[in-house]
N, C-alpha and C. Protein backbone atom coordinates (compact mmCIF):
# COMPACT_ATOMS: atom_id res chain seq x y z
N MET A 1 75.95 123.60 107.36
CA MET A 1 75.44 124.69 106.58
C MET A 1 76.51 125.19 105.61
N PHE A 2 77.72 125.47 106.13
CA PHE A 2 78.79 125.94 105.27
C PHE A 2 79.29 124.83 104.36
N LEU A 3 79.27 123.61 104.85
CA LEU A 3 79.72 122.48 104.05
C LEU A 3 78.83 122.28 102.84
N ALA A 4 77.53 122.37 103.02
CA ALA A 4 76.59 122.20 101.92
C ALA A 4 76.78 123.29 100.88
N ALA A 5 77.07 124.51 101.30
CA ALA A 5 77.30 125.60 100.35
C ALA A 5 78.57 125.35 99.55
N GLY A 6 79.60 124.81 100.18
CA GLY A 6 80.84 124.51 99.48
C GLY A 6 80.69 123.36 98.50
N LEU A 7 79.89 122.38 98.84
CA LEU A 7 79.67 121.24 97.95
C LEU A 7 78.84 121.62 96.74
N ALA A 8 78.00 122.64 96.85
CA ALA A 8 77.17 123.06 95.73
C ALA A 8 78.03 123.63 94.61
N ASP A 9 79.16 124.21 94.93
CA ASP A 9 80.03 124.81 93.92
C ASP A 9 81.06 123.83 93.36
N LEU A 10 81.07 122.62 93.83
CA LEU A 10 82.06 121.62 93.43
C LEU A 10 81.69 121.03 92.06
N SER A 11 82.63 121.08 91.13
CA SER A 11 82.37 120.50 89.81
C SER A 11 82.49 118.98 89.88
N PRO A 12 81.88 118.28 88.92
CA PRO A 12 81.98 116.82 88.94
C PRO A 12 83.43 116.32 88.85
N GLY A 13 84.26 117.00 88.10
CA GLY A 13 85.67 116.61 88.00
C GLY A 13 86.40 116.77 89.32
N ALA A 14 86.14 117.88 90.00
CA ALA A 14 86.77 118.11 91.31
C ALA A 14 86.28 117.10 92.33
N PHE A 15 85.00 116.75 92.27
CA PHE A 15 84.45 115.75 93.18
C PHE A 15 85.12 114.40 92.94
N LEU A 16 85.24 113.99 91.68
CA LEU A 16 85.89 112.71 91.38
C LEU A 16 87.34 112.71 91.81
N PHE A 17 88.02 113.83 91.64
CA PHE A 17 89.41 113.93 92.08
C PHE A 17 89.51 113.78 93.59
N ALA A 18 88.61 114.45 94.32
CA ALA A 18 88.63 114.36 95.79
C ALA A 18 88.34 112.93 96.25
N VAL A 19 87.40 112.26 95.60
CA VAL A 19 87.09 110.87 95.97
C VAL A 19 88.27 109.96 95.64
N ALA A 20 88.93 110.20 94.51
CA ALA A 20 90.09 109.37 94.14
C ALA A 20 91.23 109.55 95.13
N VAL A 21 91.48 110.78 95.55
CA VAL A 21 92.55 111.03 96.54
C VAL A 21 92.20 110.38 97.87
N ALA A 22 90.94 110.52 98.30
CA ALA A 22 90.51 109.91 99.56
C ALA A 22 90.62 108.39 99.49
N ALA A 23 90.24 107.81 98.35
CA ALA A 23 90.33 106.35 98.19
C ALA A 23 91.78 105.88 98.21
N ALA A 24 92.66 106.63 97.54
CA ALA A 24 94.08 106.25 97.51
C ALA A 24 94.69 106.32 98.91
N LEU A 25 94.39 107.39 99.64
CA LEU A 25 94.89 107.50 101.01
C LEU A 25 94.35 106.38 101.88
N SER A 26 93.08 106.08 101.72
CA SER A 26 92.44 105.03 102.50
C SER A 26 93.07 103.67 102.23
N MET A 27 93.29 103.35 100.96
CA MET A 27 93.90 102.07 100.62
C MET A 27 95.34 102.00 101.11
N GLY A 28 96.05 103.12 101.07
CA GLY A 28 97.41 103.14 101.57
C GLY A 28 97.48 102.89 103.07
N VAL A 29 96.60 103.52 103.81
CA VAL A 29 96.58 103.31 105.27
C VAL A 29 96.15 101.89 105.59
N PHE A 30 95.15 101.38 104.90
CA PHE A 30 94.71 100.01 105.13
C PHE A 30 95.85 99.03 104.86
N SER A 31 96.54 99.22 103.75
CA SER A 31 97.65 98.34 103.39
C SER A 31 98.76 98.41 104.44
N HIS A 32 99.12 99.61 104.85
CA HIS A 32 100.16 99.81 105.85
C HIS A 32 99.78 99.14 107.17
N ALA A 33 98.53 99.35 107.59
CA ALA A 33 98.08 98.81 108.87
C ALA A 33 97.99 97.28 108.83
N SER A 34 97.49 96.73 107.74
CA SER A 34 97.34 95.27 107.69
C SER A 34 98.69 94.57 107.57
N LYS A 35 99.66 95.18 106.90
CA LYS A 35 101.00 94.58 106.80
C LYS A 35 101.69 94.54 108.16
N ARG A 36 101.34 95.48 109.02
CA ARG A 36 101.96 95.53 110.33
C ARG A 36 101.13 94.87 111.42
N GLY A 37 100.09 94.14 111.01
CA GLY A 37 99.32 93.35 111.95
C GLY A 37 98.32 94.12 112.79
N ASN A 38 97.94 95.30 112.36
CA ASN A 38 96.96 96.08 113.11
C ASN A 38 95.60 95.41 113.00
N ARG A 39 94.97 95.16 114.14
CA ARG A 39 93.67 94.48 114.15
C ARG A 39 92.55 95.37 113.65
N ARG A 40 92.77 96.65 113.59
CA ARG A 40 91.73 97.59 113.17
C ARG A 40 92.07 98.25 111.84
N ALA A 41 92.71 97.53 110.94
CA ALA A 41 93.12 98.08 109.65
C ALA A 41 91.93 98.57 108.84
N THR A 42 90.85 97.81 108.84
CA THR A 42 89.66 98.21 108.09
C THR A 42 89.07 99.49 108.66
N ALA A 43 89.00 99.59 109.96
CA ALA A 43 88.46 100.80 110.59
C ALA A 43 89.32 102.02 110.28
N TRP A 44 90.64 101.84 110.30
CA TRP A 44 91.53 102.95 109.96
C TRP A 44 91.33 103.38 108.51
N GLY A 45 91.18 102.41 107.61
CA GLY A 45 90.96 102.74 106.20
C GLY A 45 89.67 103.51 106.00
N ILE A 46 88.60 103.08 106.63
CA ILE A 46 87.32 103.78 106.51
C ILE A 46 87.40 105.17 107.13
N ALA A 47 88.04 105.27 108.28
CA ALA A 47 88.17 106.57 108.94
C ALA A 47 88.96 107.55 108.08
N VAL A 48 90.02 107.08 107.43
CA VAL A 48 90.81 107.96 106.58
C VAL A 48 90.00 108.38 105.36
N PHE A 49 89.19 107.48 104.81
CA PHE A 49 88.36 107.86 103.66
C PHE A 49 87.37 108.95 104.05
N LEU A 50 86.76 108.82 105.21
CA LEU A 50 85.72 109.78 105.61
C LEU A 50 86.27 111.05 106.24
N PHE A 51 87.35 110.92 107.02
CA PHE A 51 87.88 112.06 107.78
C PHE A 51 89.40 112.13 107.63
N ALA A 52 89.88 112.27 106.41
CA ALA A 52 91.32 112.20 106.15
C ALA A 52 92.12 113.25 106.92
N GLY A 53 91.59 114.43 107.06
CA GLY A 53 92.32 115.50 107.74
C GLY A 53 92.61 115.21 109.19
N ILE A 54 91.79 114.39 109.81
CA ILE A 54 91.96 114.04 111.22
C ILE A 54 92.57 112.65 111.38
N ALA A 55 92.03 111.68 110.66
CA ALA A 55 92.41 110.28 110.86
C ALA A 55 93.80 109.95 110.33
N LEU A 56 94.21 110.56 109.22
CA LEU A 56 95.54 110.24 108.66
C LEU A 56 96.67 110.66 109.60
N PRO A 57 96.69 111.91 110.07
CA PRO A 57 97.75 112.26 111.03
C PRO A 57 97.66 111.46 112.33
N LEU A 58 96.44 111.18 112.77
CA LEU A 58 96.26 110.41 114.00
C LEU A 58 96.80 109.00 113.85
N TYR A 59 96.55 108.36 112.70
CA TYR A 59 97.06 107.01 112.47
C TYR A 59 98.58 106.99 112.50
N PHE A 60 99.21 107.89 111.77
CA PHE A 60 100.66 107.87 111.72
C PHE A 60 101.29 108.32 113.03
N LEU A 61 100.62 109.17 113.77
CA LEU A 61 101.11 109.53 115.10
C LEU A 61 101.08 108.31 116.02
N ARG A 62 99.98 107.57 115.99
CA ARG A 62 99.88 106.35 116.81
C ARG A 62 100.92 105.32 116.38
N TYR A 63 101.14 105.18 115.07
CA TYR A 63 102.14 104.24 114.57
C TYR A 63 103.54 104.66 115.03
N TRP A 64 103.84 105.94 114.91
CA TRP A 64 105.16 106.44 115.29
C TRP A 64 105.39 106.26 116.79
N LEU A 65 104.38 106.56 117.60
CA LEU A 65 104.53 106.39 119.05
C LEU A 65 104.69 104.92 119.42
N ALA A 66 103.98 104.03 118.74
CA ALA A 66 104.11 102.60 119.02
C ALA A 66 105.50 102.11 118.65
N GLN A 67 106.06 102.62 117.57
CA GLN A 67 107.41 102.23 117.16
C GLN A 67 108.44 102.71 118.18
N ARG A 68 108.24 103.89 118.71
CA ARG A 68 109.18 104.42 119.70
C ARG A 68 109.14 103.61 120.98
N ARG A 69 107.96 103.10 121.35
CA ARG A 69 107.85 102.29 122.57
C ARG A 69 108.57 100.96 122.42
N ARG A 70 108.61 100.42 121.21
CA ARG A 70 109.24 99.11 120.98
C ARG A 70 110.75 99.19 121.02
N VAL A 71 111.30 100.34 120.71
CA VAL A 71 112.76 100.49 120.64
C VAL A 71 113.36 100.68 121.99
């Protein structure tokens, strides 16, 4: 309900900017995950595009914890 009200006030330029930022973050996470051999790189990229506020910190937290386990 509140989300729909917020989207109604969004200008086309602001919408395109938000989509561009989400796409850039998504491609960055996908690239990072695939370079490091993550089997779920595509899923991480899609999750970051749709839910960046949750998925981006979660991805890097999991990456950081995995790196600490290897050392």
